[in-house]
Amino acid sequence: MCLPDARAPTRGAPTKIRKPAGARRAVPLSHSMPEIKYKKEHIVTSVVAVIIDDDERVLLTRRNVSPFKGMWVMPGGKIDLGEPILKALHREVMEEVGLEVEIGELVDVFEHLTPGEENDHFIILYYRCRPLSCEISHNHAEVAEARWVPRDELVDYPLPDGTRFILGKLFPFHRRHDDR
């Protein structure tokens, strides 16, 4: 705890702070942590649509591009600088699978942190969505395949940790066979 110095002027001048007796000098975090390299020098913020239809099927896409190439994920992507979050979510869903959705509540926030020069540090916002139609027209450049998956079949798909975590929150019995 820092206390104002009683000798410091109180009007118009900044308050001088003195340390209590026995206080240690703070060590900057950068001195105590090893330097970790990432592809970008900033955190990438993304949005993902957890699209669930009236039959409790989830829309999954198998990615053609990194990150998570070849794995099944939900539609989403990076938020552009200055772009409102929900507008980014609508744009990403339309770009990847050609769907209009009604955006519901924020399910959760997930941090994907994988050091390495080919990786990024992601903060991912997952929103539950309802499709306004179920006709998928996926973007072949980004998505190899898109399909509606019944909730009891989700365990059969290779999913990244973030996708598995979010689906586990929405469908508590959803577990990988090797998680038992």
C-alpha atoms as a PDB file:
ATOM      1  CA  MET A   1       0.000   0.000   0.000  1.00  0.00           C
ATOM      2  CA  CYS A   2       1.311   3.457  -0.908  1.00  0.00           C
ATOM      3  CA  LEU A   3       0.588   6.475   1.267  1.00  0.00           C
ATOM      4  CA  PRO A   4       0.640  10.170   0.285  1.00  0.00           C
ATOM      5  CA  ASP A   5       3.584  12.099   1.698  1.00  0.00           C
ATOM      6  CA  ALA A   6       2.272  14.531   4.310  1.00  0.00           C
ATOM      7  CA  ARG A   7       4.783  17.173   3.134  1.00  0.00           C
ATOM      8  CA  ALA A   8       3.479  17.155  -0.457  1.00  0.00           C
ATOM      9  CA  PRO A   9       1.330  20.110  -1.566  1.00  0.00           C
ATOM     10  CA  THR A  10      -2.353  19.235  -1.885  1.00  0.00           C
ATOM     11  CA  ARG A  11      -3.566  21.728  -4.516  1.00  0.00           C
ATOM     12  CA  GLY A  12      -2.614  21.675  -8.164  1.00  0.00           C
ATOM     13  CA  ALA A  13       0.546  19.594  -7.778  1.00  0.00           C
ATOM     14  CA  PRO A  14       0.770  15.824  -8.126  1.00  0.00           C
ATOM     15  CA  THR A  15       0.735  13.883  -4.867  1.00  0.00           C
ATOM     16  CA  LYS A  16       4.112  12.391  -3.950  1.00  0.00           C
ATOM     17  CA  ILE A  17       3.817   8.720  -3.008  1.00  0.00           C
ATOM     18  CA  ARG A  18       6.062   7.098  -0.391  1.00  0.00           C
ATOM     19  CA  LYS A  19       6.427   3.360   0.194  1.00  0.00           C
ATOM     20  CA  PRO A  20       5.604   1.898   3.596  1.00  0.00           C
ATOM     21  CA  ALA A  21       8.596   0.703   5.619  1.00  0.00           C
ATOM     22  CA  GLY A  22       9.806  -2.734   4.509  1.00  0.00           C
ATOM     23  CA  ALA A  23       8.182  -2.571   1.041  1.00  0.00           C
ATOM     24  CA  ARG A  24      10.175  -4.209  -1.763  1.00  0.00           C
ATOM     25  CA  ARG A  25      10.844  -2.610  -5.108  1.00  0.00           C
ATOM     26  CA  ALA A  26       8.569  -4.078  -7.790  1.00  0.00           C
ATOM     27  CA  VAL A  27      10.309  -6.019 -10.551  1.00  0.00           C
ATOM     28  CA  PRO A  28       8.834  -5.342 -13.992  1.00  0.00           C
ATOM     29  CA  LEU A  29       7.083  -8.408 -15.416  1.00  0.00           C
ATOM     30  CA  SER A  30       9.273  -8.263 -18.522  1.00  0.00           C
ATOM     31  CA  HIS A  31      12.374  -8.995 -16.408  1.00  0.00           C
ATOM     32  CA  SER A  32      10.940 -12.155 -14.884  1.00  0.00           C
ATOM     33  CA  MET A  33       9.393 -13.797 -17.968  1.00  0.00           C
ATOM     34  CA  PRO A  34      11.242 -15.382 -20.893  1.00  0.00           C
ATOM     35  CA  GLU A  35      10.649 -13.717 -24.240  1.00  0.00           C
ATOM     36  CA  ILE A  36       8.079 -15.650 -26.289  1.00  0.00           C
ATOM     37  CA  LYS A  37       7.804 -15.154 -30.053  1.00  0.00           C
ATOM     38  CA  TYR A  38       4.528 -15.040 -32.001  1.00  0.00           C
ATOM     39  CA  LYS A  39       3.700 -14.418 -35.642  1.00  0.00           C
ATOM     40  CA  LYS A  40       2.174 -11.016 -34.813  1.00  0.00           C
ATOM     41  CA  GLU A  41       3.229  -8.488 -32.200  1.00  0.00           C
ATOM     42  CA  HIS A  42      -0.314  -8.099 -30.859  1.00  0.00           C
ATOM     43  CA  ILE A  43      -3.221 -10.194 -29.613  1.00  0.00           C
ATOM     44  CA  VAL A  44      -5.681 -11.239 -32.325  1.00  0.00           C
ATOM     45  CA  THR A  45      -9.316 -10.840 -31.290  1.00  0.00           C
ATOM     46  CA  SER A  46     -11.792 -13.117 -33.034  1.00  0.00           C
ATOM     47  CA  VAL A  47     -15.490 -13.938 -32.968  1.00  0.00           C
ATOM     48  CA  VAL A  48     -17.057 -17.361 -33.443  1.00  0.00           C
ATOM     49  CA  ALA A  49     -20.702 -18.220 -34.087  1.00  0.00           C
ATOM     50  CA  VAL A  50     -21.991 -21.256 -32.213  1.00  0.00           C
ATOM     51  CA  ILE A  51     -24.880 -21.842 -34.622  1.00  0.00           C
ATOM     52  CA  ILE A  52     -27.454 -24.256 -33.213  1.00  0.00           C
ATOM     53  CA  ASP A  53     -30.640 -25.029 -35.128  1.00  0.00           C
ATOM     54  CA  ASP A  54     -34.056 -25.982 -33.707  1.00  0.00           C
ATOM     55  CA  ASP A  55     -33.084 -29.688 -33.765  1.00  0.00           C
ATOM     56  CA  GLU A  56     -30.004 -28.945 -31.602  1.00  0.00           C
ATOM     57  CA  ARG A  57     -27.606 -29.578 -34.469  1.00  0.00           C
ATOM     58  CA  VAL A  58     -24.406 -27.524 -34.502  1.00  0.00           C
ATOM     59  CA  LEU A  59     -22.926 -26.120 -37.694  1.00  0.00           C
ATOM     60  CA  LEU A  60     -19.304 -27.284 -37.973  1.00  0.00           C
ATOM     61  CA  THR A  61     -16.806 -26.473 -40.704  1.00  0.00           C
ATOM     62  CA  ARG A  62     -13.609 -28.337 -41.565  1.00  0.00           C
ATOM     63  CA  ARG A  63     -10.915 -25.717 -42.123  1.00  0.00           C
ATOM     64  CA  ASN A  64      -8.803 -25.393 -45.270  1.00  0.00           C
ATOM     65  CA  VAL A  65      -6.479 -22.813 -43.706  1.00  0.00           C
ATOM     66  CA  SER A  66      -4.430 -22.292 -40.557  1.00  0.00           C
ATOM     67  CA  PRO A  67      -4.951 -22.180 -37.692  1.00  0.00           C
ATOM     68  CA  PHE A  68      -6.618 -25.549 -37.105  1.00  0.00           C
ATOM     69  CA  LYS A  69      -6.317 -26.687 -40.724  1.00  0.00           C
ATOM     70  CA  GLY A  70      -8.156 -30.001 -41.170  1.00  0.00           C
ATOM     71  CA  MET A  71     -10.008 -29.714 -37.855  1.00  0.00           C
ATOM     72  CA  TRP A  72     -13.699 -29.055 -37.305  1.00  0.00           C
ATOM     73  CA  VAL A  73     -14.594 -25.636 -35.920  1.00  0.00           C
ATOM     74  CA  MET A  74     -17.517 -23.247 -35.876  1.00  0.00           C
ATOM     75  CA  PRO A  75     -17.650 -20.300 -38.325  1.00  0.00           C
ATOM     76  CA  GLY A  76     -15.802 -17.179 -37.287  1.00  0.00           C
ATOM     77  CA  GLY A  77     -12.708 -15.097 -37.706  1.00  0.00           C
ATOM     78  CA  LYS A  78     -10.770 -11.974 -36.878  1.00  0.00           C
ATOM     79  CA  ILE A  79     -12.395  -8.681 -35.983  1.00  0.00           C
ATOM     80  CA  ASP A  80     -11.126  -5.909 -38.266  1.00  0.00           C
ATOM     81  CA  LEU A  81      -9.809  -2.723 -36.676  1.00  0.00           C
ATOM     82  CA  GLY A  82     -12.760  -0.380 -36.072  1.00  0.00           C
ATOM     83  CA  GLU A  83     -15.348  -3.071 -36.869  1.00  0.00           C
ATOM     84  CA  PRO A  84     -18.114  -3.599 -34.286  1.00  0.00           C
ATOM     85  CA  ILE A  85     -18.019  -7.103 -32.778  1.00  0.00           C
ATOM     86  CA  LEU A  86     -21.494  -8.232 -33.885  1.00  0.00           C
ATOM     87  CA  LYS A  87     -20.993  -6.852 -37.404  1.00  0.00           C
ATOM     88  CA  ALA A  88     -17.759  -8.899 -37.598  1.00  0.00           C
ATOM     89  CA  LEU A  89     -19.652 -11.997 -36.498  1.00  0.00           C
ATOM     90  CA  HIS A  90     -22.336 -11.521 -39.190  1.00  0.00           C
ATOM     91  CA  ARG A  91     -19.640 -10.880 -41.818  1.00  0.00           C
ATOM     92  CA  GLU A  92     -17.576 -13.957 -40.900  1.00  0.00           C
ATOM     93  CA  VAL A  93     -20.602 -16.280 -40.908  1.00  0.00           C
ATOM     94  CA  MET A  94     -21.707 -14.949 -44.298  1.00  0.00           C
ATOM     95  CA  GLU A  95     -18.171 -15.228 -45.747  1.00  0.00           C
ATOM     96  CA  GLU A  96     -17.603 -18.785 -44.530  1.00  0.00           C
ATOM     97  CA  VAL A  97     -20.995 -20.495 -44.830  1.00  0.00           C
ATOM     98  CA  GLY A  98     -23.370 -18.018 -46.507  1.00  0.00           C
ATOM     99  CA  LEU A  99     -25.868 -17.896 -43.630  1.00  0.00           C
ATOM    100  CA  GLU A 100     -27.804 -15.104 -41.974  1.00  0.00           C
ATOM    101  CA  VAL A 101     -28.016 -15.651 -38.227  1.00  0.00           C
ATOM    102  CA  GLU A 102     -29.744 -14.181 -35.227  1.00  0.00           C
ATOM    103  CA  ILE A 103     -27.081 -13.506 -32.608  1.00  0.00           C
ATOM    104  CA  GLY A 104     -27.886 -14.500 -29.036  1.00  0.00           C
ATOM    105  CA  GLU A 105     -25.877 -14.315 -25.844  1.00  0.00           C
ATOM    106  CA  LEU A 106     -22.135 -14.411 -25.372  1.00  0.00           C
ATOM    107  CA  VAL A 107     -21.349 -18.016 -24.410  1.00  0.00           C
ATOM    108  CA  ASP A 108     -17.811 -17.422 -23.190  1.00  0.00           C
ATOM    109  CA  VAL A 109     -14.378 -16.033 -23.989  1.00  0.00           C
ATOM    110  CA  PHE A 110     -11.521 -18.434 -24.725  1.00  0.00           C
ATOM    111  CA  GLU A 111      -7.829 -17.671 -24.948  1.00  0.00           C
ATOM    112  CA  HIS A 112      -5.804 -19.690 -27.447  1.00  0.00           C
ATOM    113  CA  LEU A 113      -2.134 -19.295 -26.629  1.00  0.00           C
ATOM    114  CA  THR A 114       0.377 -21.290 -28.650  1.00  0.00           C
ATOM    115  CA  PRO A 115       3.876 -19.781 -28.797  1.00  0.00           C
ATOM    116  CA  GLY A 116       5.863 -20.028 -32.006  1.00  0.00           C
ATOM    117  CA  GLU A 117       6.747 -17.942 -35.016  1.00  0.00           C
ATOM    118  CA  GLU A 118       3.871 -19.474 -37.025  1.00  0.00           C
ATOM    119  CA  ASN A 119       1.259 -18.987 -34.281  1.00  0.00           C
ATOM    120  CA  ASP A 120      -0.789 -16.174 -32.853  1.00  0.00           C
ATOM    121  CA  HIS A 121      -2.168 -15.286 -29.445  1.00  0.00           C
ATOM    122  CA  PHE A 122      -5.966 -15.287 -29.833  1.00  0.00           C
ATOM    123  CA  ILE A 123      -8.790 -14.028 -27.647  1.00  0.00           C
ATOM    124  CA  ILE A 124     -11.974 -15.627 -29.034  1.00  0.00           C
ATOM    125  CA  LEU A 125     -15.523 -14.457 -28.254  1.00  0.00           C
ATOM    126  CA  TYR A 126     -18.095 -17.232 -28.739  1.00  0.00           C
ATOM    127  CA  TYR A 127     -21.728 -16.194 -29.382  1.00  0.00           C
ATOM    128  CA  ARG A 128     -24.686 -18.537 -29.532  1.00  0.00           C
ATOM    129  CA  CYS A 129     -26.590 -17.997 -32.786  1.00  0.00           C
ATOM    130  CA  ARG A 130     -29.733 -19.280 -34.440  1.00  0.00           C
ATOM    131  CA  PRO A 131     -29.771 -19.725 -38.216  1.00  0.00           C
ATOM    132  CA  LEU A 132     -32.450 -17.876 -40.175  1.00  0.00           C
ATOM    133  CA  SER A 133     -32.204 -20.696 -42.749  1.00  0.00           C
ATOM    134  CA  CYS A 134     -30.228 -23.939 -42.871  1.00  0.00           C
ATOM    135  CA  GLU A 135     -29.017 -23.753 -46.487  1.00  0.00           C
ATOM    136  CA  ILE A 136     -25.220 -23.768 -46.335  1.00  0.00           C
ATOM    137  CA  SER A 137     -23.090 -22.333 -49.137  1.00  0.00           C
ATOM    138  CA  HIS A 138     -19.520 -22.557 -47.861  1.00  0.00           C
ATOM    139  CA  ASN A 139     -16.468 -20.672 -49.068  1.00  0.00           C
ATOM    140  CA  HIS A 140     -14.182 -23.373 -50.546  1.00  0.00           C
ATOM    141  CA  ALA A 141     -11.069 -21.211 -50.071  1.00  0.00           C
ATOM    142  CA  GLU A 142     -11.439 -21.315 -46.268  1.00  0.00           C
ATOM    143  CA  VAL A 143     -13.782 -24.227 -45.604  1.00  0.00           C
ATOM    144  CA  ALA A 144     -13.265 -27.758 -46.970  1.00  0.00           C
ATOM    145  CA  GLU A 145     -16.652 -28.924 -45.753  1.00  0.00           C
ATOM    146  CA  ALA A 146     -19.574 -27.643 -43.679  1.00  0.00           C
ATOM    147  CA  ARG A 147     -22.282 -29.735 -42.062  1.00  0.00           C
ATOM    148  CA  TRP A 148     -24.990 -29.780 -39.429  1.00  0.00           C
ATOM    149  CA  VAL A 149     -23.893 -32.170 -36.682  1.00  0.00           C
ATOM    150  CA  PRO A 150     -26.358 -33.645 -34.146  1.00  0.00           C
ATOM    151  CA  ARG A 151     -25.206 -32.971 -30.596  1.00  0.00           C
ATOM    152  CA  ASP A 152     -24.747 -36.684 -29.810  1.00  0.00           C
ATOM    153  CA  GLU A 153     -22.292 -37.039 -32.749  1.00  0.00           C
ATOM    154  CA  LEU A 154     -20.004 -34.148 -31.732  1.00  0.00           C
ATOM    155  CA  VAL A 155     -17.696 -36.547 -29.871  1.00  0.00           C
ATOM    156  CA  ASP A 156     -16.729 -38.153 -33.192  1.00  0.00           C
ATOM    157  CA  TYR A 157     -15.163 -34.972 -34.651  1.00  0.00           C
ATOM    158  CA  PRO A 158     -11.576 -33.728 -34.200  1.00  0.00           C
ATOM    159  CA  LEU A 159     -12.100 -30.355 -32.511  1.00  0.00           C
ATOM    160  CA  PRO A 160      -9.623 -27.768 -31.202  1.00  0.00           C
ATOM    161  CA  ASP A 161      -9.615 -27.248 -27.432  1.00  0.00           C
ATOM    162  CA  GLY A 162     -11.595 -23.990 -27.605  1.00  0.00           C
ATOM    163  CA  THR A 163     -14.357 -25.539 -29.699  1.00  0.00           C
ATOM    164  CA  ARG A 164     -14.540 -28.569 -27.412  1.00  0.00           C
ATOM    165  CA  PHE A 165     -14.605 -26.333 -24.309  1.00  0.00           C
ATOM    166  CA  ILE A 166     -17.475 -24.191 -25.627  1.00  0.00           C
ATOM    167  CA  LEU A 167     -19.546 -27.155 -26.829  1.00  0.00           C
ATOM    168  CA  GLY A 168     -18.975 -28.786 -23.433  1.00  0.00           C
ATOM    169  CA  LYS A 169     -20.507 -25.735 -21.766  1.00  0.00           C
ATOM    170  CA  LEU A 170     -23.596 -25.861 -23.995  1.00  0.00           C
ATOM    171  CA  PHE A 171     -23.944 -29.643 -24.016  1.00  0.00           C
ATOM    172  CA  PRO A 172     -22.533 -30.788 -20.626  1.00  0.00           C
ATOM    173  CA  PHE A 173     -22.477 -34.464 -21.570  1.00  0.00           C
ATOM    174  CA  HIS A 174     -20.285 -33.689 -24.619  1.00  0.00           C
ATOM    175  CA  ARG A 175     -16.940 -35.414 -23.990  1.00  0.00           C
ATOM    176  CA  ARG A 176     -14.257 -37.016 -26.083  1.00  0.00           C
ATOM    177  CA  HIS A 177     -14.036 -40.772 -25.833  1.00  0.00           C
ATOM    178  CA  ASP A 178     -10.554 -40.439 -24.289  1.00  0.00           C
ATOM    179  CA  ASP A 179     -11.818 -37.933 -21.633  1.00  0.00           C
ATOM    180  CA  ARG A 180     -13.752 -40.592 -19.727  1.00  0.00           C
END
